[in-house]
Structure formats: C-alpha cells, structure tokens
Amino acid sequence: MSLPFAILGLLTFEPMSGYTLKTRYFDGSIAHFWPADQSQIYRTLQALESDGDVVGREAASDQRPKSRIYAITEIGQARLHAWLAQARPSQVQRNGFLVQLYFGRLLSRDQLLAVLKARREEHVQQRDYFLALQMPVADSDEMRRQLIFGGMTLDLGRRRETMMVEWLDACIATVSALE
C-alpha cells in the first residue's frame, strides 16, 4: 500500500511523467526500500488520477511519443500528509536466504559455505555502492530539508549492509569451524 504514497511524495518535488518517476527516482533511490516496475507505476498513477490525488496532462516531446505529466492535487497532498503522520507497525519480512540458513544442517559444510560466501559478496557490493553514493547539493531550503531525510535512509542502507557483511563473516567462521 506504500507505492501510491511514494509516488505522491515524489510528485511533491515537481510534476513528472511515469517514466521520469521510474528512471530518476525509483531506480536511483526509492527502489532500495520500495521497488516498483514501470507497469506498477503507470497503474498506480492511473488509480491516483481516478481518485483525484493527481491530475495528468499530455505533453508533446520531440524525442519520444507524447507523454503524460502528473502533478499532485490538494486532495493528494492531504491524503499524503495524513498517511505520513500515521505510525507504521513493523512488518515481518520474508527472507528465503534465512530459510536456507535455518535448514543449513541439510547441506554439506562446503555447500553452505558457498551459499554464505555468495550472499556475503552481494552485501559487500551493496555496501560499497551505498558508501560511494553522495548526496546532491541542495539549492533550496526545501531540498536541504529533503536531503536530511534522504540522508537518513542512505545511512540505514550503509549501516545495514555493513552489519550484514559482519554477520555473514561470523556465520562463515562458525560454519568453517564445523567438522
């Protein structure tokens, strides 16, 4: 249920097309904690428009076919603010890797080490990616404020990936010590 509100939040920056939402914002930042593909974004934009949360207009382009530019409405802003102000309960996350690890006794030590090392490498790459990300320079008070909160989400990603690498190192040491 968060996708409509992620889109509404992004439209507070500026009116934009579904393509711009996907390529500029989802692919570069939001996808790290709420991924969405192009078709999901377009379906959600259509639903938001039907509900009166956004308004769309056709925009001609020299390079591509006509696109639709969406802007958040006052109704959409009110719904977004109400949603943002509510406390969100924690959600149990499904994690196939933890199911593998839980039943790791059914694998040989070498098989389990291969799984753990592969997972570690994924987290090393993700950690390095987050560590290399630099926040843009803000050109307004609103963007300076946005960078504070965007920075918090980036900080979580950096800390989480660093912790995962450390935890996987401990798992690998434990499994390596098994007979």
Protein backbone atom coordinates (compact mmCIF):
# COMPACT_ATOMS: atom_id res chain seq x y z
CA MET A 1 0.00 0.00 0.00
CA SER A 2 3.01 2.34 0.20
CA LEU A 3 3.53 2.69 -3.56
CA PRO A 4 0.79 5.29 -4.09
CA PHE A 5 2.21 7.38 -1.27
CA ALA A 6 5.78 7.06 -2.57
CA ILE A 7 4.54 8.37 -5.92
CA LEU A 8 2.57 11.19 -4.29
CA GLY A 9 5.64 12.12 -2.25
CA LEU A 10 7.83 12.21 -5.35
CA LEU A 11 5.31 14.40 -7.13
CA THR A 12 5.77 17.00 -4.39
CA PHE A 13 9.18 17.69 -5.96
CA GLU A 14 7.73 18.58 -9.35
CA PRO A 15 5.17 17.35 -11.90
CA MET A 16 6.61 14.48 -13.91
CA SER A 17 5.86 11.52 -16.14
CA GLY A 18 5.74 7.90 -15.06
CA TYR A 19 8.98 7.36 -16.98
CA THR A 20 10.72 10.13 -15.04
CA LEU A 21 9.38 8.77 -11.75
CA LYS A 22 10.86 5.37 -12.60
CA THR A 23 14.22 6.40 -14.02
CA ARG A 24 15.09 9.45 -11.91
CA TYR A 25 13.66 8.49 -8.53
CA PHE A 26 12.71 4.84 -8.20
CA ASP A 27 15.79 3.42 -9.91
CA GLY A 28 18.16 5.75 -8.08
CA SER A 29 16.82 5.78 -4.55
CA ILE A 30 13.31 4.58 -3.68
CA ALA A 31 13.91 1.14 -5.21
CA HIS A 32 16.37 0.36 -2.40
CA PHE A 33 13.47 0.17 0.03
CA TRP A 34 10.33 0.09 -2.13
CA PRO A 35 10.94 -1.30 -5.64
CA ALA A 36 8.39 -0.87 -8.39
CA ASP A 37 8.46 -1.68 -12.07
CA GLN A 38 7.26 0.65 -14.83
CA SER A 39 3.87 -1.04 -15.20
CA GLN A 40 3.17 -0.81 -11.45
CA ILE A 41 3.99 2.90 -11.53
CA TYR A 42 1.70 3.56 -14.50
CA ARG A 43 -1.17 1.54 -13.00
CA THR A 44 -0.79 3.41 -9.73
CA LEU A 45 -0.71 6.78 -11.49
CA GLN A 46 -3.94 5.90 -13.27
CA ALA A 47 -5.59 4.91 -9.98
CA LEU A 48 -4.33 8.08 -8.29
CA GLU A 49 -5.73 10.13 -11.15
CA SER A 50 -9.10 8.35 -10.92
CA ASP A 51 -9.18 9.08 -7.18
CA GLY A 52 -8.37 12.76 -7.71
CA ASP A 53 -4.98 12.58 -5.99
CA VAL A 54 -3.10 13.59 -9.14
CA VAL A 55 -4.01 15.32 -12.35
CA GLY A 56 -2.37 14.37 -15.64
CA ARG A 57 -1.87 16.32 -18.83
CA GLU A 58 -0.48 15.32 -22.21
CA ALA A 59 2.95 16.72 -23.06
CA ALA A 60 4.42 16.55 -26.55
CA SER A 61 8.06 15.63 -26.96
CA ASP A 62 10.42 15.93 -29.92
CA GLN A 63 12.32 12.77 -29.00
CA ARG A 64 9.53 10.43 -27.89
CA PRO A 65 5.82 9.96 -28.32
CA LYS A 66 3.55 12.11 -26.20
CA SER A 67 3.89 11.51 -22.50
CA ARG A 68 1.59 12.25 -19.62
CA ILE A 69 2.84 14.59 -16.91
CA TYR A 70 1.30 14.17 -13.47
CA ALA A 71 1.00 16.71 -10.67
CA ILE A 72 -0.22 16.13 -7.13
CA THR A 73 -3.53 17.80 -6.26
CA GLU A 74 -4.61 19.34 -2.95
CA ILE A 75 -6.59 16.14 -2.29
CA GLY A 76 -3.46 14.09 -2.93
CA GLN A 77 -1.38 16.31 -0.67
CA ALA A 78 -3.92 15.96 2.14
CA ARG A 79 -4.01 12.15 1.77
CA LEU A 80 -0.19 12.01 1.65
CA HIS A 81 0.18 14.15 4.78
CA ALA A 82 -2.39 12.05 6.65
CA TRP A 83 -0.60 8.83 5.66
CA LEU A 84 2.84 10.19 6.56
CA ALA A 85 1.65 11.28 10.02
CA GLN A 86 0.47 7.77 10.97
CA ALA A 87 2.73 5.40 12.87
CA ARG A 88 3.51 2.30 10.81
CA PRO A 89 3.76 -1.08 12.56
CA SER A 90 6.79 -3.21 11.80
CA GLN A 91 6.23 -5.84 9.15
CA VAL A 92 7.62 -9.34 9.11
CA GLN A 93 9.81 -9.61 6.04
CA ARG A 94 10.02 -12.81 4.07
CA ASN A 95 13.59 -13.86 3.50
CA GLY A 96 14.37 -17.02 1.53
CA PHE A 97 18.03 -16.84 2.50
CA LEU A 98 17.12 -17.17 6.19
CA VAL A 99 15.04 -20.25 5.36
CA GLN A 100 18.13 -21.70 3.66
CA LEU A 101 20.28 -20.89 6.67
CA TYR A 102 17.74 -22.26 9.15
CA PHE A 103 17.86 -25.65 7.40
CA GLY A 104 21.59 -25.43 6.69
CA ARG A 105 22.15 -28.70 8.56
CA LEU A 106 20.82 -30.46 5.45
CA LEU A 107 23.72 -29.17 3.33
CA SER A 108 27.34 -30.13 3.43
CA ARG A 109 29.71 -27.63 5.04
CA ASP A 110 31.12 -26.73 1.61
CA GLN A 111 27.67 -26.22 0.11
CA LEU A 112 26.61 -23.98 2.97
CA LEU A 113 29.87 -22.03 2.82
CA ALA A 114 29.30 -21.43 -0.89
CA VAL A 115 25.81 -20.06 -0.15
CA LEU A 116 27.11 -17.85 2.66
CA LYS A 117 30.03 -16.51 0.63
CA ALA A 118 27.82 -15.72 -2.34
CA ARG A 119 25.42 -13.83 -0.08
CA ARG A 120 28.33 -12.00 1.56
CA GLU A 121 29.58 -10.85 -1.83
CA GLU A 122 26.13 -9.43 -2.66
CA HIS A 123 26.16 -7.43 0.57
CA VAL A 124 29.73 -6.24 0.02
CA GLN A 125 28.73 -4.91 -3.39
CA GLN A 126 25.61 -3.23 -2.00
CA ARG A 127 27.58 -1.75 0.92
CA ASP A 128 30.22 -0.37 -1.41
CA TYR A 129 27.50 1.08 -3.64
CA PHE A 130 25.86 2.86 -0.69
CA LEU A 131 29.21 4.08 0.66
CA ALA A 132 30.05 5.59 -2.73
CA LEU A 133 26.72 7.43 -3.04
CA GLN A 134 27.00 11.14 -2.44
CA MET A 135 24.04 13.32 -1.58
CA PRO A 136 23.45 16.09 -4.12
CA VAL A 137 23.95 19.74 -3.27
CA ALA A 138 20.70 21.40 -2.23
CA ASP A 139 19.67 24.58 -3.98
CA SER A 140 16.71 25.48 -1.76
CA ASP A 141 15.56 25.22 1.86
CA GLU A 142 13.07 22.53 0.85
CA MET A 143 15.80 20.43 -0.80
CA ARG A 144 18.15 20.93 2.18
CA ARG A 145 15.38 19.53 4.38
CA GLN A 146 14.75 16.68 1.92
CA LEU A 147 18.45 15.78 1.96
CA ILE A 148 18.31 15.36 5.73
CA PHE A 149 15.63 12.69 5.41
CA GLY A 150 17.06 11.14 2.26
CA GLY A 151 20.37 11.01 4.13
CA MET A 152 18.73 9.05 6.94
CA THR A 153 17.54 6.37 4.52
CA LEU A 154 21.02 6.23 2.95
CA ASP A 155 22.57 5.93 6.41
CA LEU A 156 20.31 2.96 7.18
CA GLY A 157 21.35 1.28 3.93
CA ARG A 158 25.04 1.79 4.72
CA ARG A 159 24.69 0.54 8.29
CA ARG A 160 22.51 -2.43 7.31
CA GLU A 161 24.88 -3.62 4.61
CA THR A 162 27.93 -3.17 6.85
CA MET A 163 26.19 -5.16 9.59
CA MET A 164 25.19 -7.89 7.12
CA VAL A 165 28.80 -8.30 5.96
CA GLU A 166 29.97 -8.54 9.57
CA TRP A 167 27.21 -11.02 10.45
CA LEU A 168 27.95 -13.15 7.39
CA ASP A 169 31.65 -13.17 8.32
CA ALA A 170 30.62 -14.55 11.73
CA CYS A 171 28.36 -17.16 10.08
CA ILE A 172 31.16 -18.21 7.74
CA ALA A 173 33.55 -18.55 10.70
CA THR A 174 31.01 -20.67 12.59
CA VAL A 175 30.32 -22.97 9.65
CA SER A 176 34.03 -23.19 8.80
CA ALA A 177 34.69 -24.48 12.33
CA LEU A 178 32.19 -27.32 11.93
CA GLU A 179 33.50 -30.82 11.43
